[in-house]
Amino acid sequence: MDPAEQLEIETRIGEVLKSIYDPEIPVNIYDLGLIYEINVDDEQVAHIIMTLTAPNCPMADELLEEVKYKVGGTKGVKDCDLKLTFNPPWDKSMLSDEAKLELGFL
């Protein structure tokens, strides 16, 4: 896969992630800063590293399943390898400007 195609798929994945919302905060997980890394390998497997706003999030399983399902169904992606991390832990500084504006932090 050439770099342009890889970038196109990764951009598509970013758009898909913007359609997934944290159940407790009315902002998508991408703009919340929960997505640490998006990479697509030559086998068209999307490798995503993400976190949660809190380690004890009661909706974690549903949120992770939604990410795997939606990213796995993205054009150009055959599978989604999703890793959850709490290093570094999420904090408000990771919010995008759009999210800060939406939540009244700007």
Protein backbone atom coordinates (compact mmCIF):
# COMPACT_ATOMS: atom_id res chain seq x y z
CA MET A 1 0.00 0.00 0.00
CA ASP A 2 1.41 3.38 -0.94
CA PRO A 3 1.68 6.24 1.60
CA ALA A 4 -1.13 8.25 -0.04
CA GLU A 5 -3.54 5.31 0.19
CA GLN A 6 -2.51 4.69 3.80
CA LEU A 7 -3.10 8.35 4.69
CA GLU A 8 -6.50 8.26 2.95
CA ILE A 9 -7.58 5.21 5.00
CA GLU A 10 -6.27 6.73 8.25
CA THR A 11 -8.18 9.95 7.49
CA ARG A 12 -11.33 7.90 6.87
CA ILE A 13 -10.82 6.14 10.22
CA GLY A 14 -10.50 9.54 11.92
CA GLU A 15 -13.85 10.57 10.44
CA VAL A 16 -15.45 7.31 11.64
CA LEU A 17 -14.06 7.90 15.14
CA LYS A 18 -15.63 11.36 15.12
CA SER A 19 -19.03 9.63 14.82
CA ILE A 20 -18.53 7.74 18.11
CA TYR A 21 -19.51 9.61 21.25
CA ASP A 22 -18.45 9.14 24.85
CA PRO A 23 -21.63 8.05 26.67
CA GLU A 24 -21.08 10.51 29.52
CA ILE A 25 -19.77 13.57 27.64
CA PRO A 26 -21.55 14.94 24.54
CA VAL A 27 -18.34 15.03 22.48
CA ASN A 28 -16.92 12.45 20.07
CA ILE A 29 -14.02 10.29 21.23
CA TYR A 30 -11.64 11.77 18.63
CA ASP A 31 -12.13 15.38 19.74
CA LEU A 32 -12.05 14.26 23.39
CA GLY A 33 -8.45 13.18 22.79
CA LEU A 34 -9.14 9.51 23.60
CA ILE A 35 -7.43 8.31 20.40
CA TYR A 36 -3.66 8.21 20.89
CA GLU A 37 -2.63 6.51 17.66
CA ILE A 38 -4.06 5.35 14.31
CA ASN A 39 -1.92 3.21 11.99
CA VAL A 40 -2.88 1.01 9.05
CA ASP A 41 -0.47 -1.74 8.05
CA ASP A 42 0.08 -3.33 4.61
CA GLU A 43 -2.49 -6.04 5.41
CA GLN A 44 -5.11 -3.27 5.88
CA VAL A 45 -5.34 -3.87 9.63
CA ALA A 46 -6.08 -0.69 11.58
CA HIS A 47 -4.02 -0.49 14.77
CA ILE A 48 -5.59 1.93 17.22
CA ILE A 49 -4.37 2.89 20.68
CA MET A 50 -6.96 4.67 22.78
CA THR A 51 -7.82 5.49 26.36
CA LEU A 52 -10.94 6.30 28.35
CA THR A 53 -11.79 9.42 30.36
CA ALA A 54 -11.75 7.21 33.49
CA PRO A 55 -10.38 3.68 34.04
CA ASN A 56 -13.64 2.60 35.67
CA CYS A 57 -15.90 3.83 32.85
CA PRO A 58 -19.08 1.72 33.10
CA MET A 59 -19.63 1.89 29.33
CA ALA A 60 -16.07 0.87 28.39
CA ASP A 61 -16.95 -2.49 26.83
CA GLU A 62 -19.71 -1.02 24.65
CA LEU A 63 -17.50 1.88 23.57
CA LEU A 64 -14.60 -0.42 22.62
CA GLU A 65 -16.94 -2.75 20.71
CA GLU A 66 -18.36 0.21 18.79
CA VAL A 67 -14.85 1.39 17.85
CA LYS A 68 -13.81 -2.10 16.68
CA TYR A 69 -17.04 -2.59 14.72
CA LYS A 70 -17.10 0.80 13.01
CA VAL A 71 -13.37 0.98 12.24
CA GLY A 72 -13.40 -2.64 11.03
CA GLY A 73 -16.20 -1.71 8.63
CA THR A 74 -14.36 1.31 7.21
CA LYS A 75 -13.54 1.20 3.48
CA GLY A 76 -9.97 -0.06 3.05
CA VAL A 77 -9.84 -1.74 6.49
CA LYS A 78 -10.00 -5.52 6.88
CA ASP A 79 -9.68 -5.70 10.67
CA CYS A 80 -9.23 -3.50 13.74
CA ASP A 81 -6.57 -4.20 16.35
CA LEU A 82 -7.65 -2.05 19.29
CA LYS A 83 -5.43 -1.54 22.33
CA LEU A 84 -6.58 0.23 25.46
CA THR A 85 -4.03 2.15 27.53
CA PHE A 86 -4.05 4.46 30.52
CA ASN A 87 -0.53 5.69 29.95
CA PRO A 88 -0.56 8.63 29.75
CA PRO A 89 -3.82 9.06 31.65
CA TRP A 90 -6.42 11.22 29.93
CA ASP A 91 -6.95 14.78 31.14
CA LYS A 92 -8.75 17.88 29.88
CA SER A 93 -5.63 19.20 28.12
CA MET A 94 -6.14 16.47 25.47
CA LEU A 95 -9.44 17.98 24.30
CA SER A 96 -9.46 19.48 20.80
CA ASP A 97 -10.34 23.17 20.53
CA GLU A 98 -13.75 22.12 19.14
CA ALA A 99 -14.41 19.98 22.22
CA LYS A 100 -13.23 22.72 24.58
CA LEU A 101 -15.58 25.16 22.88
CA GLU A 102 -18.50 22.70 23.00
CA LEU A 103 -17.93 22.01 26.70
CA GLY A 104 -17.52 25.69 27.57
CA PHE A 105 -13.80 25.57 28.37
CA LEU A 106 -12.89 28.28 25.83
